Amino acid sequence: MDPSVSLDLQPRDGGKMGQGASAPPYSYPYTGLGQSGPGPSGPGQEPPRDFVLWSLFNTVFCNVCCLGFMALVFSFKARDRKVLGDANGAGSYGKTAKCLNIAVLVLSILTVILIIVLVATGAVAVSQTIQQGNQNKNNYGFNYGN
């Protein structure tokens, strides 16, 4: 009695890629946007987008109010639905991830602009205060250290 297990890892069609070749085992059953149920996608239909890279970028660099993380969650849900063949669910989650990514990007840009404006106006106010201090020092005749 031999306790070893043997797995056949050869392609289903014996290595032939032709008209009768079967799909590779890693392909997913994408159905297309108008169809319901598993089946091969048509030549003109593209799978819905999941925006995972954009969401990952926003999560790492522009995570305003944790919206980048939420976009990443919806992107992963869209990718999971796409792999399962649910085009409607993948499209819905993908649109939500896209909207969240746009919101994060806009909020991040506005935050950067606000910081630039505050720094610029703060620098002007500080320089005016320093000039007034120097002017007051000269007017009252204070000589510190001289």
N, C-alpha and C. Protein backbone atom coordinates (compact mmCIF):
# COMPACT_ATOMS: atom_id res chain seq x y z
N MET A 1 0.84 -1.17 0.00
CA MET A 1 0.00 0.00 0.00
C MET A 1 0.89 1.24 0.00
N ASP A 2 0.72 2.10 -1.01
CA ASP A 2 1.54 3.29 -1.18
C ASP A 2 0.74 4.53 -0.74
N PRO A 3 1.17 5.27 0.32
CA PRO A 3 0.40 6.41 0.82
C PRO A 3 0.62 7.70 0.02
N SER A 4 1.43 7.67 -1.03
CA SER A 4 1.72 8.90 -1.79
C SER A 4 0.52 9.29 -2.66
N VAL A 5 0.44 10.57 -2.94
CA VAL A 5 -0.64 11.12 -3.75
C VAL A 5 -0.05 11.68 -5.02
N SER A 6 -0.70 11.47 -6.12
CA SER A 6 -0.22 11.96 -7.41
C SER A 6 -1.24 12.94 -8.00
N LEU A 7 -0.74 14.09 -8.45
CA LEU A 7 -1.59 15.09 -9.09
C LEU A 7 -1.17 15.26 -10.54
N ASP A 8 -2.13 15.27 -11.43
CA ASP A 8 -1.84 15.50 -12.83
C ASP A 8 -1.90 17.00 -13.10
N LEU A 9 -0.76 17.63 -13.36
CA LEU A 9 -0.68 19.07 -13.58
C LEU A 9 -0.53 19.43 -15.06
N GLN A 10 -0.79 18.51 -15.93
CA GLN A 10 -0.71 18.77 -17.36
C GLN A 10 -1.94 19.54 -17.84
N PRO A 11 -1.80 20.33 -18.92
CA PRO A 11 -2.97 21.02 -19.47
C PRO A 11 -4.04 20.04 -19.91
N ARG A 12 -5.28 20.50 -19.91
CA ARG A 12 -6.41 19.62 -20.25
C ARG A 12 -6.37 19.14 -21.68
N ASP A 13 -5.80 19.97 -22.56
CA ASP A 13 -5.80 19.59 -23.97
C ASP A 13 -4.50 18.91 -24.39
N GLY A 14 -3.66 18.56 -23.45
CA GLY A 14 -2.43 17.86 -23.78
C GLY A 14 -1.35 18.78 -24.31
N GLY A 15 -1.46 20.08 -24.09
CA GLY A 15 -0.44 21.01 -24.55
C GLY A 15 -0.73 21.61 -25.90
N LYS A 16 -1.84 21.23 -26.55
CA LYS A 16 -2.17 21.76 -27.87
C LYS A 16 -2.99 23.02 -27.70
N MET A 17 -2.62 24.04 -28.38
CA MET A 17 -3.39 25.27 -28.38
C MET A 17 -4.00 25.43 -29.76
N GLY A 18 -5.22 25.13 -29.87
CA GLY A 18 -5.87 25.22 -31.17
C GLY A 18 -7.35 25.48 -31.00
N GLN A 19 -8.13 25.08 -32.02
CA GLN A 19 -9.56 25.31 -32.03
C GLN A 19 -10.26 24.61 -30.87
N GLY A 20 -9.88 23.40 -30.56
CA GLY A 20 -10.56 22.63 -29.52
C GLY A 20 -9.91 22.75 -28.16
N ALA A 21 -8.98 23.69 -27.99
CA ALA A 21 -8.28 23.82 -26.71
C ALA A 21 -9.22 24.40 -25.66
N SER A 22 -9.06 23.91 -24.46
CA SER A 22 -9.89 24.41 -23.37
C SER A 22 -9.25 25.66 -22.76
N ALA A 23 -10.02 26.36 -21.97
CA ALA A 23 -9.54 27.58 -21.33
C ALA A 23 -8.54 27.24 -20.24
N PRO A 24 -7.57 28.11 -20.00
CA PRO A 24 -6.64 27.83 -18.91
C PRO A 24 -7.35 27.84 -17.56
N PRO A 25 -6.82 27.14 -16.58
CA PRO A 25 -7.53 27.01 -15.31
C PRO A 25 -7.62 28.30 -14.52
N TYR A 26 -6.84 29.32 -14.85
CA TYR A 26 -6.87 30.56 -14.10
C TYR A 26 -7.81 31.60 -14.69
N SER A 27 -8.52 31.28 -15.75
CA SER A 27 -9.44 32.25 -16.32
C SER A 27 -10.70 32.34 -15.47
N TYR A 28 -11.32 33.49 -15.47
CA TYR A 28 -12.52 33.68 -14.67
C TYR A 28 -13.74 33.74 -15.58
N PRO A 29 -14.89 33.36 -15.09
CA PRO A 29 -16.08 33.29 -15.94
C PRO A 29 -16.77 34.65 -16.05
N TYR A 30 -16.17 35.58 -16.74
CA TYR A 30 -16.78 36.90 -16.91
C TYR A 30 -17.94 36.79 -17.90
N THR A 31 -19.06 37.43 -17.56
CA THR A 31 -20.25 37.29 -18.38
C THR A 31 -20.54 38.49 -19.26
N GLY A 32 -20.00 39.62 -18.98
CA GLY A 32 -20.33 40.82 -19.74
C GLY A 32 -21.36 41.64 -18.99
N LEU A 33 -21.57 42.87 -19.42
CA LEU A 33 -22.44 43.76 -18.66
C LEU A 33 -23.92 43.47 -18.86
N GLY A 34 -24.32 42.95 -19.97
CA GLY A 34 -25.74 42.74 -20.21
C GLY A 34 -26.23 41.34 -19.89
N GLN A 35 -25.35 40.43 -19.60
CA GLN A 35 -25.74 39.05 -19.39
C GLN A 35 -25.85 38.75 -17.91
N SER A 36 -26.60 37.72 -17.61
CA SER A 36 -26.66 37.26 -16.22
C SER A 36 -26.36 35.77 -16.20
N GLY A 37 -25.39 35.40 -15.42
CA GLY A 37 -24.98 34.00 -15.34
C GLY A 37 -23.60 33.82 -15.93
N PRO A 38 -22.95 32.71 -15.58
CA PRO A 38 -21.59 32.49 -16.07
C PRO A 38 -21.57 32.16 -17.55
N GLY A 39 -20.50 32.53 -18.18
CA GLY A 39 -20.32 32.25 -19.59
C GLY A 39 -19.15 33.06 -20.11
N PRO A 40 -18.68 32.74 -21.30
CA PRO A 40 -17.53 33.47 -21.84
C PRO A 40 -17.93 34.88 -22.28
N SER A 41 -16.99 35.78 -22.18
CA SER A 41 -17.26 37.15 -22.60
C SER A 41 -17.15 37.26 -24.11
N GLY A 42 -17.90 38.19 -24.63
CA GLY A 42 -17.85 38.42 -26.06
C GLY A 42 -16.59 39.18 -26.43
N PRO A 43 -16.27 39.23 -27.73
CA PRO A 43 -15.02 39.88 -28.13
C PRO A 43 -15.05 41.39 -27.92
N GLY A 44 -16.22 42.04 -27.96
CA GLY A 44 -16.29 43.48 -27.84
C GLY A 44 -16.53 43.96 -26.42
N GLN A 45 -16.72 43.04 -25.48
CA GLN A 45 -17.05 43.44 -24.12
C GLN A 45 -15.81 43.41 -23.25
N GLU A 46 -15.62 44.48 -22.48
CA GLU A 46 -14.50 44.54 -21.56
C GLU A 46 -15.02 44.35 -20.13
N PRO A 47 -14.23 43.73 -19.28
CA PRO A 47 -14.67 43.59 -17.89
C PRO A 47 -14.71 44.96 -17.21
N PRO A 48 -15.58 45.13 -16.22
CA PRO A 48 -15.64 46.42 -15.52
C PRO A 48 -14.34 46.69 -14.77
N ARG A 49 -14.02 47.95 -14.63
CA ARG A 49 -12.77 48.33 -13.97
C ARG A 49 -12.94 48.30 -12.46
N ASP A 50 -11.82 48.01 -11.76
CA ASP A 50 -11.90 47.94 -10.30
C ASP A 50 -11.06 49.01 -9.60
N PHE A 51 -10.18 49.71 -10.29
CA PHE A 51 -9.42 50.86 -9.76
C PHE A 51 -8.60 50.52 -8.52
N VAL A 52 -8.01 49.34 -8.47
CA VAL A 52 -7.26 48.92 -7.30
C VAL A 52 -5.98 49.75 -7.14
N LEU A 53 -5.25 50.01 -8.22
CA LEU A 53 -4.01 50.76 -8.10
C LEU A 53 -4.25 52.20 -7.66
N TRP A 54 -5.26 52.82 -8.22
CA TRP A 54 -5.61 54.19 -7.83
C TRP A 54 -6.02 54.24 -6.36
N SER A 55 -6.80 53.25 -5.94
CA SER A 55 -7.22 53.19 -4.54
C SER A 55 -6.04 52.95 -3.61
N LEU A 56 -5.12 52.11 -4.03
CA LEU A 56 -3.94 51.84 -3.22
C LEU A 56 -3.09 53.11 -3.08
N PHE A 57 -2.91 53.83 -4.17
CA PHE A 57 -2.18 55.09 -4.13
C PHE A 57 -2.85 56.07 -3.17
N ASN A 58 -4.17 56.21 -3.29
CA ASN A 58 -4.90 57.14 -2.42
C ASN A 58 -4.84 56.70 -0.96
N THR A 59 -4.84 55.41 -0.71
CA THR A 59 -4.76 54.92 0.67
C THR A 59 -3.40 55.24 1.28
N VAL A 60 -2.34 55.09 0.51
CA VAL A 60 -1.00 55.29 1.04
C VAL A 60 -0.66 56.78 1.15
N PHE A 61 -1.00 57.57 0.12
CA PHE A 61 -0.52 58.94 0.08
C PHE A 61 -1.59 60.00 0.37
N CYS A 62 -2.85 59.73 0.11
CA CYS A 62 -3.89 60.76 0.21
C CYS A 62 -5.08 60.28 1.01
N ASN A 63 -4.87 59.70 2.16
CA ASN A 63 -5.96 59.07 2.91
C ASN A 63 -6.71 60.10 3.75
N VAL A 64 -7.48 60.97 3.09
CA VAL A 64 -8.25 62.00 3.78
C VAL A 64 -9.50 61.36 4.37
N CYS A 65 -9.67 61.48 5.68
CA CYS A 65 -10.84 60.94 6.40
C CYS A 65 -11.07 59.45 6.13
N CYS A 66 -10.02 58.71 5.88
CA CYS A 66 -10.07 57.26 5.61
C CYS A 66 -10.87 56.92 4.35
N LEU A 67 -11.10 57.90 3.47
CA LEU A 67 -11.83 57.61 2.24
C LEU A 67 -10.99 56.78 1.27
N GLY A 68 -9.67 56.95 1.33
CA GLY A 68 -8.79 56.15 0.49
C GLY A 68 -8.89 54.67 0.85
N PHE A 69 -8.98 54.39 2.14
CA PHE A 69 -9.12 53.01 2.59
C PHE A 69 -10.46 52.43 2.15
N MET A 70 -11.51 53.24 2.25
CA MET A 70 -12.83 52.77 1.81
C MET A 70 -12.84 52.51 0.31
N ALA A 71 -12.16 53.35 -0.46
CA ALA A 71 -12.05 53.12 -1.91
C ALA A 71 -11.31 51.82 -2.18
N LEU A 72 -10.28 51.53 -1.38
CA LEU A 72 -9.55 50.28 -1.55
C LEU A 72 -10.43 49.08 -1.24
N VAL A 73 -11.26 49.17 -0.22
CA VAL A 73 -12.18 48.09 0.13
C VAL A 73 -13.15 47.83 -1.03
N PHE A 74 -13.75 48.90 -1.57
CA PHE A 74 -14.68 48.73 -2.67
C PHE A 74 -13.98 48.22 -3.93
N SER A 75 -12.73 48.61 -4.13
CA SER A 75 -11.97 48.09 -5.27
C SER A 75 -11.75 46.60 -5.15
N PHE A 76 -11.42 46.14 -3.94
CA PHE A 76 -11.25 44.70 -3.74
C PHE A 76 -12.57 43.95 -3.93
N LYS A 77 -13.66 44.55 -3.48
CA LYS A 77 -14.96 43.92 -3.69
C LYS A 77 -15.28 43.83 -5.17
N ALA A 78 -14.96 44.89 -5.92
CA ALA A 78 -15.20 44.88 -7.37
C ALA A 78 -14.35 43.80 -8.04
N ARG A 79 -13.10 43.66 -7.60
CA ARG A 79 -12.24 42.63 -8.20
C ARG A 79 -12.77 41.24 -7.87
N ASP A 80 -13.23 41.03 -6.64
CA ASP A 80 -13.79 39.73 -6.27
C ASP A 80 -15.03 39.41 -7.10
N ARG A 81 -15.90 40.38 -7.28
CA ARG A 81 -17.11 40.15 -8.08
C ARG A 81 -16.75 39.88 -9.53
N LYS A 82 -15.72 40.56 -10.03
CA LYS A 82 -15.31 40.33 -11.42
C LYS A 82 -14.78 38.92 -11.60
N VAL A 83 -14.03 38.44 -10.60
CA VAL A 83 -13.49 37.08 -10.67
C VAL A 83 -14.61 36.06 -10.59
N LEU A 84 -15.64 36.35 -9.80
CA LEU A 84 -16.77 35.41 -9.67
C LEU A 84 -17.69 35.43 -10.88
N GLY A 85 -17.57 36.46 -11.72
CA GLY A 85 -18.40 36.53 -12.91
C GLY A 85 -19.62 37.41 -12.76
N ASP A 86 -19.75 38.12 -11.66
CA ASP A 86 -20.89 39.01 -11.44
C ASP A 86 -20.53 40.40 -11.97
N ALA A 87 -20.88 40.64 -13.23
CA ALA A 87 -20.50 41.90 -13.88
C ALA A 87 -21.26 43.07 -13.30
N ASN A 88 -22.53 42.88 -12.95
CA ASN A 88 -23.31 43.98 -12.40
C ASN A 88 -22.76 44.41 -11.03
N GLY A 89 -22.47 43.45 -10.18
CA GLY A 89 -21.90 43.76 -8.87
C GLY A 89 -20.52 44.39 -8.99
N ALA A 90 -19.71 43.87 -9.91
CA ALA A 90 -18.37 44.43 -10.12
C ALA A 90 -18.47 45.86 -10.64
N GLY A 91 -19.40 46.11 -11.54
CA GLY A 91 -19.58 47.47 -12.05
C GLY A 91 -20.04 48.43 -10.98
N SER A 92 -20.94 47.97 -10.13
CA SER A 92 -21.45 48.81 -9.04
C SER A 92 -20.35 49.15 -8.04
N TYR A 93 -19.61 48.14 -7.59
CA TYR A 93 -18.52 48.38 -6.66
C TYR A 93 -17.42 49.22 -7.31
N GLY A 94 -17.17 49.00 -8.59
CA GLY A 94 -16.16 49.77 -9.30
C GLY A 94 -16.54 51.24 -9.40
N LYS A 95 -17.82 51.53 -9.65
CA LYS A 95 -18.27 52.93 -9.71
C LYS A 95 -18.15 53.60 -8.35
N THR A 96 -18.48 52.86 -7.29
CA THR A 96 -18.35 53.41 -5.95
C THR A 96 -16.88 53.71 -5.63
N ALA A 97 -15.99 52.79 -6.00
CA ALA A 97 -14.56 53.00 -5.76
C ALA A 97 -14.06 54.20 -6.56
N LYS A 98 -14.55 54.35 -7.78
CA LYS A 98 -14.15 55.49 -8.61
C LYS A 98 -14.60 56.81 -7.99
N CYS A 99 -15.84 56.86 -7.52
CA CYS A 99 -16.36 58.09 -6.88
C CYS A 99 -15.57 58.42 -5.61
N LEU A 100 -15.27 57.40 -4.81
CA LEU A 100 -14.49 57.64 -3.60
C LEU A 100 -13.08 58.11 -3.93
N ASN A 101 -12.48 57.53 -4.97
CA ASN A 101 -11.14 57.96 -5.38
C ASN A 101 -11.14 59.41 -5.86
N ILE A 102 -12.17 59.80 -6.60
CA ILE A 102 -12.27 61.18 -7.06
C ILE A 102 -12.44 62.12 -5.86
N ALA A 103 -13.28 61.73 -4.90
CA ALA A 103 -13.48 62.55 -3.71
C ALA A 103 -12.18 62.70 -2.92
N VAL A 104 -11.43 61.61 -2.77
CA VAL A 104 -10.17 61.67 -2.04
C VAL A 104 -9.18 62.58 -2.77
N LEU A 105 -9.12 62.46 -4.08
CA LEU A 105 -8.19 63.28 -4.85
C LEU A 105 -8.53 64.76 -4.73
N VAL A 106 -9.81 65.10 -4.85
CA VAL A 106 -10.24 66.50 -4.75
C VAL A 106 -9.95 67.04 -3.35
N LEU A 107 -10.30 66.27 -2.32
CA LEU A 107 -10.05 66.72 -0.95
C LEU A 107 -8.55 66.87 -0.67
N SER A 108 -7.74 65.99 -1.21
CA SER A 108 -6.31 66.09 -1.01
C SER A 108 -5.74 67.33 -1.70
N ILE A 109 -6.19 67.59 -2.91
CA ILE A 109 -5.72 68.79 -3.63
C ILE A 109 -6.14 70.05 -2.89
N LEU A 110 -7.40 70.07 -2.42
CA LEU A 110 -7.87 71.24 -1.66
C LEU A 110 -7.08 71.41 -0.35
N THR A 111 -6.74 70.32 0.30
CA THR A 111 -5.96 70.40 1.53
C THR A 111 -4.56 70.96 1.26
N VAL A 112 -3.94 70.50 0.19
CA VAL A 112 -2.61 71.01 -0.16
C VAL A 112 -2.67 72.49 -0.50
N ILE A 113 -3.68 72.90 -1.26
CA ILE A 113 -3.84 74.32 -1.59
C ILE A 113 -4.07 75.14 -0.33
N LEU A 114 -4.90 74.64 0.58
CA LEU A 114 -5.17 75.35 1.82
C LEU A 114 -3.89 75.50 2.66
N ILE A 115 -3.09 74.47 2.74
CA ILE A 115 -1.84 74.54 3.49
C ILE A 115 -0.89 75.55 2.86
N ILE A 116 -0.81 75.55 1.53
CA ILE A 116 0.05 76.52 0.84
C ILE A 116 -0.42 77.94 1.12
N VAL A 117 -1.72 78.17 1.06
CA VAL A 117 -2.26 79.51 1.32
C VAL A 117 -1.99 79.92 2.76
N LEU A 118 -2.21 79.01 3.71
CA LEU A 118 -1.97 79.34 5.12
C LEU A 118 -0.50 79.63 5.39
N VAL A 119 0.37 78.85 4.79
CA VAL A 119 1.80 79.09 4.98
C VAL A 119 2.19 80.42 4.36
N ALA A 120 1.68 80.71 3.17
CA ALA A 120 2.02 81.97 2.50
C ALA A 120 1.50 83.16 3.30
N THR A 121 0.27 83.12 3.75
CA THR A 121 -0.27 84.24 4.52
C THR A 121 0.37 84.31 5.89
N GLY A 122 0.70 83.21 6.48
CA GLY A 122 1.38 83.20 7.77
C GLY A 122 2.78 83.76 7.65
N ALA A 123 3.46 83.45 6.57
CA ALA A 123 4.80 83.98 6.35
C ALA A 123 4.76 85.49 6.18
N VAL A 124 3.76 86.00 5.48
CA VAL A 124 3.62 87.44 5.30
C VAL A 124 3.34 88.11 6.64
N ALA A 125 2.46 87.51 7.45
CA ALA A 125 2.13 88.09 8.75
C ALA A 125 3.34 88.08 9.68
N VAL A 126 4.11 87.02 9.66
CA VAL A 126 5.30 86.93 10.51
C VAL A 126 6.34 87.95 10.07
N SER A 127 6.53 88.11 8.77
CA SER A 127 7.52 89.09 8.29
C SER A 127 7.10 90.51 8.64
N GLN A 128 5.81 90.80 8.57
CA GLN A 128 5.33 92.13 8.96
C GLN A 128 5.54 92.36 10.46
N THR A 129 5.32 91.35 11.28
CA THR A 129 5.53 91.47 12.72
C THR A 129 7.00 91.72 13.03
N ILE A 130 7.88 91.03 12.35
CA ILE A 130 9.31 91.21 12.56
C ILE A 130 9.73 92.62 12.14
N GLN A 131 9.20 93.09 11.01
CA GLN A 131 9.54 94.45 10.58
C GLN A 131 9.04 95.49 11.57
N GLN A 132 7.83 95.30 12.09
CA GLN A 132 7.31 96.24 13.08
C GLN A 132 8.14 96.19 14.36
N GLY A 133 8.59 95.03 14.76
CA GLY A 133 9.45 94.90 15.93
C GLY A 133 10.77 95.61 15.74
N ASN A 134 11.36 95.46 14.57
CA ASN A 134 12.61 96.15 14.27
C ASN A 134 12.41 97.66 14.25
N GLN A 135 11.29 98.07 13.69
CA GLN A 135 10.99 99.50 13.63
C GLN A 135 10.78 100.07 15.03
N ASN A 136 10.08 99.34 15.89
CA ASN A 136 9.85 99.79 17.27
C ASN A 136 11.17 99.83 18.04
N LYS A 137 12.04 98.87 17.79
CA LYS A 137 13.34 98.83 18.47
C LYS A 137 14.16 100.06 18.10
N ASN A 138 14.13 100.42 16.84
CA ASN A 138 14.89 101.59 16.40
C ASN A 138 14.25 102.88 16.91
N ASN A 139 12.93 102.93 16.99
CA ASN A 139 12.25 104.14 17.44
C ASN A 139 12.46 104.41 18.91
N TYR A 140 12.49 103.39 19.74
CA TYR A 140 12.60 103.59 21.18
C TYR A 140 14.04 103.56 21.67
N GLY A 141 14.95 103.30 20.80
CA GLY A 141 16.35 103.36 21.15
C GLY A 141 16.85 102.19 21.98
N PHE A 142 16.22 101.04 21.85
CA PHE A 142 16.70 99.86 22.57
C PHE A 142 17.88 99.27 21.84
N ASN A 143 18.96 99.06 22.52
CA ASN A 143 20.12 98.41 21.97
C ASN A 143 20.43 97.19 22.81
N TYR A 144 20.03 96.07 22.33
CA TYR A 144 20.27 94.82 23.07
C TYR A 144 21.63 94.28 22.66
N GLY A 145 22.55 94.26 23.57
CA GLY A 145 23.84 93.65 23.30
C GLY A 145 24.82 94.58 22.62
N ASN A 146 24.46 95.75 22.30
CA ASN A 146 25.39 96.67 21.63
C ASN A 146 25.74 97.82 22.51
